[in-house]
Amino acid sequence: MKASFFSFVAAATLFATTAASAAPFDHDRDLRRLSPRERARYEQAQRDRARFEQTQRERERQQALERARWEAQHRHDRGPARPYGR
């Protein structure tokens, strides 16, 4: 009797906790649960972040081009007779 009671309690506990642990961690941020105002604010933040990252990538690309151009211009400043390190 005691064993069946404990097995029933264990089964009920597992059943109750499985549903809670099966939900994703950020289920409150599910886009289907957002109000239209919250959804618009979330999507605007996503667009702003994408725009910022795109601008940052473009800036890094431009800096790499300028650095390569500068290095190409100054590659032979010391002349071939005096290589670097000597």
N, C-alpha and C. Protein backbone atom coordinates (compact mmCIF):
# COMPACT_ATOMS: atom_id res chain seq x y z
N MET A 1 0.82 -1.19 0.00
CA MET A 1 0.00 0.00 0.00
C MET A 1 0.87 1.26 0.00
N LYS A 2 1.88 1.24 0.86
CA LYS A 2 2.75 2.40 0.96
C LYS A 2 3.55 2.58 -0.34
N ALA A 3 3.99 1.48 -0.94
CA ALA A 3 4.78 1.55 -2.18
C ALA A 3 3.94 2.07 -3.33
N SER A 4 2.70 1.63 -3.42
CA SER A 4 1.85 2.11 -4.50
C SER A 4 1.53 3.60 -4.31
N PHE A 5 1.37 4.02 -3.06
CA PHE A 5 1.12 5.44 -2.79
C PHE A 5 2.32 6.28 -3.21
N PHE A 6 3.52 5.85 -2.84
CA PHE A 6 4.73 6.59 -3.22
C PHE A 6 4.95 6.58 -4.73
N SER A 7 4.64 5.47 -5.38
CA SER A 7 4.79 5.44 -6.84
C SER A 7 3.77 6.38 -7.50
N PHE A 8 2.57 6.46 -6.92
CA PHE A 8 1.57 7.39 -7.46
C PHE A 8 2.02 8.83 -7.26
N VAL A 9 2.57 9.16 -6.10
CA VAL A 9 3.07 10.51 -5.82
C VAL A 9 4.23 10.84 -6.76
N ALA A 10 5.12 9.88 -6.97
CA ALA A 10 6.26 10.10 -7.87
C ALA A 10 5.77 10.33 -9.30
N ALA A 11 4.79 9.54 -9.74
CA ALA A 11 4.26 9.71 -11.09
C ALA A 11 3.57 11.07 -11.24
N ALA A 12 2.82 11.47 -10.23
CA ALA A 12 2.14 12.77 -10.29
C ALA A 12 3.15 13.91 -10.30
N THR A 13 4.20 13.77 -9.50
CA THR A 13 5.23 14.81 -9.46
C THR A 13 5.94 14.92 -10.80
N LEU A 14 6.31 13.78 -11.37
CA LEU A 14 6.97 13.80 -12.68
C LEU A 14 6.05 14.38 -13.75
N PHE A 15 4.77 14.03 -13.70
CA PHE A 15 3.82 14.55 -14.68
C PHE A 15 3.69 16.07 -14.55
N ALA A 16 3.65 16.57 -13.33
CA ALA A 16 3.49 18.01 -13.11
C ALA A 16 4.74 18.79 -13.49
N THR A 17 5.92 18.24 -13.22
CA THR A 17 7.15 18.98 -13.49
C THR A 17 7.59 18.85 -14.94
N THR A 18 7.16 17.81 -15.63
CA THR A 18 7.58 17.64 -17.03
C THR A 18 7.01 18.75 -17.90
N ALA A 19 5.76 19.12 -17.68
CA ALA A 19 5.15 20.17 -18.50
C ALA A 19 5.85 21.50 -18.29
N ALA A 20 6.23 21.80 -17.05
CA ALA A 20 6.91 23.07 -16.77
C ALA A 20 8.31 23.08 -17.34
N SER A 21 9.00 21.96 -17.27
CA SER A 21 10.38 21.95 -17.78
C SER A 21 10.43 21.78 -19.28
N ALA A 22 9.34 21.34 -19.90
CA ALA A 22 9.34 21.16 -21.34
C ALA A 22 9.14 22.49 -22.07
N ALA A 23 8.62 23.49 -21.38
CA ALA A 23 8.43 24.79 -22.01
C ALA A 23 9.78 25.45 -22.23
N PRO A 24 9.94 26.16 -23.34
CA PRO A 24 11.21 26.86 -23.57
C PRO A 24 11.46 27.90 -22.49
N PHE A 25 12.71 28.23 -22.29
CA PHE A 25 13.08 29.15 -21.21
C PHE A 25 12.44 30.52 -21.39
N ASP A 26 12.41 31.01 -22.62
CA ASP A 26 11.87 32.35 -22.88
C ASP A 26 10.50 32.28 -23.53
N HIS A 27 9.63 31.41 -23.01
CA HIS A 27 8.32 31.25 -23.62
C HIS A 27 7.48 32.52 -23.51
N ASP A 28 7.81 33.39 -22.57
CA ASP A 28 7.06 34.64 -22.46
C ASP A 28 7.42 35.60 -23.58
N ARG A 29 8.52 35.37 -24.29
CA ARG A 29 8.92 36.22 -25.40
C ARG A 29 8.50 35.63 -26.75
N ASP A 30 7.62 34.65 -26.71
CA ASP A 30 7.13 34.05 -27.94
C ASP A 30 6.37 35.12 -28.73
N LEU A 31 6.69 35.24 -30.01
CA LEU A 31 6.06 36.29 -30.83
C LEU A 31 4.55 36.12 -30.94
N ARG A 32 4.07 34.90 -30.78
CA ARG A 32 2.63 34.69 -30.86
C ARG A 32 1.91 35.24 -29.65
N ARG A 33 2.64 35.48 -28.55
CA ARG A 33 2.01 35.97 -27.32
C ARG A 33 2.12 37.48 -27.17
N LEU A 34 2.82 38.16 -28.05
CA LEU A 34 3.02 39.60 -27.92
C LEU A 34 1.82 40.38 -28.42
N SER A 35 1.57 41.50 -27.80
CA SER A 35 0.53 42.39 -28.29
C SER A 35 1.07 43.09 -29.54
N PRO A 36 0.21 43.67 -30.35
CA PRO A 36 0.71 44.35 -31.56
C PRO A 36 1.73 45.44 -31.26
N ARG A 37 1.55 46.18 -30.17
CA ARG A 37 2.50 47.23 -29.82
C ARG A 37 3.86 46.62 -29.42
N GLU A 38 3.81 45.57 -28.61
CA GLU A 38 5.07 44.91 -28.22
C GLU A 38 5.76 44.29 -29.43
N ARG A 39 4.97 43.69 -30.32
CA ARG A 39 5.55 43.08 -31.52
C ARG A 39 6.21 44.14 -32.40
N ALA A 40 5.57 45.29 -32.55
CA ALA A 40 6.16 46.36 -33.36
C ALA A 40 7.45 46.86 -32.74
N ARG A 41 7.47 47.00 -31.42
CA ARG A 41 8.69 47.44 -30.74
C ARG A 41 9.80 46.40 -30.88
N TYR A 42 9.46 45.12 -30.76
CA TYR A 42 10.44 44.04 -30.90
C TYR A 42 11.01 44.01 -32.32
N GLU A 43 10.14 44.11 -33.32
CA GLU A 43 10.61 44.08 -34.71
C GLU A 43 11.45 45.31 -35.04
N GLN A 44 11.10 46.46 -34.48
CA GLN A 44 11.91 47.66 -34.69
C GLN A 44 13.29 47.49 -34.08
N ALA A 45 13.36 46.88 -32.91
CA ALA A 45 14.66 46.63 -32.28
C ALA A 45 15.48 45.66 -33.12
N GLN A 46 14.83 44.67 -33.72
CA GLN A 46 15.54 43.73 -34.59
C GLN A 46 16.09 44.46 -35.82
N ARG A 47 15.28 45.35 -36.40
CA ARG A 47 15.74 46.10 -37.58
C ARG A 47 16.89 47.03 -37.21
N ASP A 48 16.78 47.68 -36.04
CA ASP A 48 17.85 48.58 -35.60
C ASP A 48 19.15 47.81 -35.38
N ARG A 49 19.06 46.64 -34.76
CA ARG A 49 20.26 45.84 -34.52
C ARG A 49 20.86 45.36 -35.85
N ALA A 50 20.02 44.94 -36.78
CA ALA A 50 20.52 44.51 -38.08
C ALA A 50 21.19 45.67 -38.82
N ARG A 51 20.59 46.87 -38.74
CA ARG A 51 21.18 48.03 -39.38
C ARG A 51 22.53 48.38 -38.75
N PHE A 52 22.61 48.32 -37.42
CA PHE A 52 23.86 48.60 -36.72
C PHE A 52 24.94 47.60 -37.11
N GLU A 53 24.59 46.33 -37.15
CA GLU A 53 25.59 45.31 -37.52
C GLU A 53 26.03 45.47 -38.96
N GLN A 54 25.11 45.81 -39.86
CA GLN A 54 25.47 46.03 -41.25
C GLN A 54 26.41 47.22 -41.38
N THR A 55 26.12 48.30 -40.66
CA THR A 55 26.99 49.47 -40.68
C THR A 55 28.37 49.14 -40.13
N GLN A 56 28.40 48.36 -39.07
CA GLN A 56 29.68 47.98 -38.48
C GLN A 56 30.49 47.11 -39.45
N ARG A 57 29.84 46.16 -40.12
CA ARG A 57 30.55 45.33 -41.11
C ARG A 57 31.07 46.17 -42.25
N GLU A 58 30.27 47.13 -42.71
CA GLU A 58 30.71 48.00 -43.80
C GLU A 58 31.89 48.86 -43.37
N ARG A 59 31.85 49.37 -42.14
CA ARG A 59 32.96 50.16 -41.62
C ARG A 59 34.24 49.32 -41.52
N GLU A 60 34.13 48.10 -41.04
CA GLU A 60 35.29 47.22 -40.95
C GLU A 60 35.84 46.89 -42.34
N ARG A 61 34.94 46.67 -43.31
CA ARG A 61 35.39 46.39 -44.67
C ARG A 61 36.13 47.59 -45.25
N GLN A 62 35.59 48.78 -45.01
CA GLN A 62 36.22 50.00 -45.52
C GLN A 62 37.58 50.21 -44.86
N GLN A 63 37.69 49.97 -43.57
CA GLN A 63 38.97 50.12 -42.89
C GLN A 63 39.99 49.12 -43.42
N ALA A 64 39.56 47.90 -43.71
CA ALA A 64 40.48 46.91 -44.26
C ALA A 64 40.97 47.34 -45.64
N LEU A 65 40.08 47.91 -46.45
CA LEU A 65 40.49 48.39 -47.77
C LEU A 65 41.49 49.54 -47.64
N GLU A 66 41.20 50.48 -46.74
CA GLU A 66 42.11 51.61 -46.55
C GLU A 66 43.46 51.15 -46.00
N ARG A 67 43.46 50.18 -45.09
CA ARG A 67 44.71 49.66 -44.54
C ARG A 67 45.52 48.97 -45.64
N ALA A 68 44.86 48.19 -46.49
CA ALA A 68 45.56 47.52 -47.58
C ALA A 68 46.13 48.54 -48.57
N ARG A 69 45.36 49.58 -48.86
CA ARG A 69 45.85 50.62 -49.77
C ARG A 69 47.06 51.32 -49.17
N TRP A 70 46.98 51.67 -47.88
CA TRP A 70 48.10 52.35 -47.22
C TRP A 70 49.34 51.47 -47.21
N GLU A 71 49.17 50.18 -46.89
CA GLU A 71 50.32 49.27 -46.87
C GLU A 71 50.92 49.11 -48.26
N ALA A 72 50.07 49.08 -49.28
CA ALA A 72 50.59 48.96 -50.64
C ALA A 72 51.37 50.21 -51.03
N GLN A 73 50.91 51.38 -50.61
CA GLN A 73 51.62 52.61 -50.93
C GLN A 73 52.95 52.70 -50.20
N HIS A 74 53.02 52.20 -48.99
CA HIS A 74 54.21 52.36 -48.16
C HIS A 74 55.08 51.10 -48.11
N ARG A 75 54.78 50.14 -48.94
CA ARG A 75 55.51 48.89 -48.90
C ARG A 75 56.99 49.08 -49.20
N HIS A 76 57.31 49.95 -50.13
CA HIS A 76 58.70 50.12 -50.56
C HIS A 76 59.28 51.47 -50.11
N ASP A 77 58.78 52.02 -49.01
CA ASP A 77 59.29 53.31 -48.54
C ASP A 77 60.76 53.25 -48.16
N ARG A 78 61.18 52.16 -47.57
CA ARG A 78 62.58 52.06 -47.14
C ARG A 78 63.47 51.59 -48.28
N GLY A 79 62.90 51.18 -49.36
CA GLY A 79 63.69 50.76 -50.52
C GLY A 79 64.12 49.30 -50.42
N PRO A 80 64.38 48.69 -51.55
CA PRO A 80 64.76 47.27 -51.54
C PRO A 80 66.17 47.04 -50.99
N ALA A 81 67.03 48.07 -50.95
CA ALA A 81 68.40 47.89 -50.46
C ALA A 81 68.44 47.73 -48.95
N ARG A 82 67.45 48.25 -48.25
CA ARG A 82 67.42 48.15 -46.78
C ARG A 82 66.11 47.50 -46.35
N PRO A 83 66.05 46.21 -46.41
CA PRO A 83 64.80 45.55 -45.99
C PRO A 83 64.59 45.70 -44.49
N TYR A 84 63.38 45.50 -44.07
CA TYR A 84 63.04 45.64 -42.65
C TYR A 84 63.81 44.62 -41.83
N GLY A 85 64.21 45.01 -40.64
CA GLY A 85 64.89 44.10 -39.73
C GLY A 85 66.39 44.08 -39.88
N ARG A 86 66.97 44.84 -40.78
CA ARG A 86 68.44 44.84 -40.95
C ARG A 86 68.98 46.23 -40.83
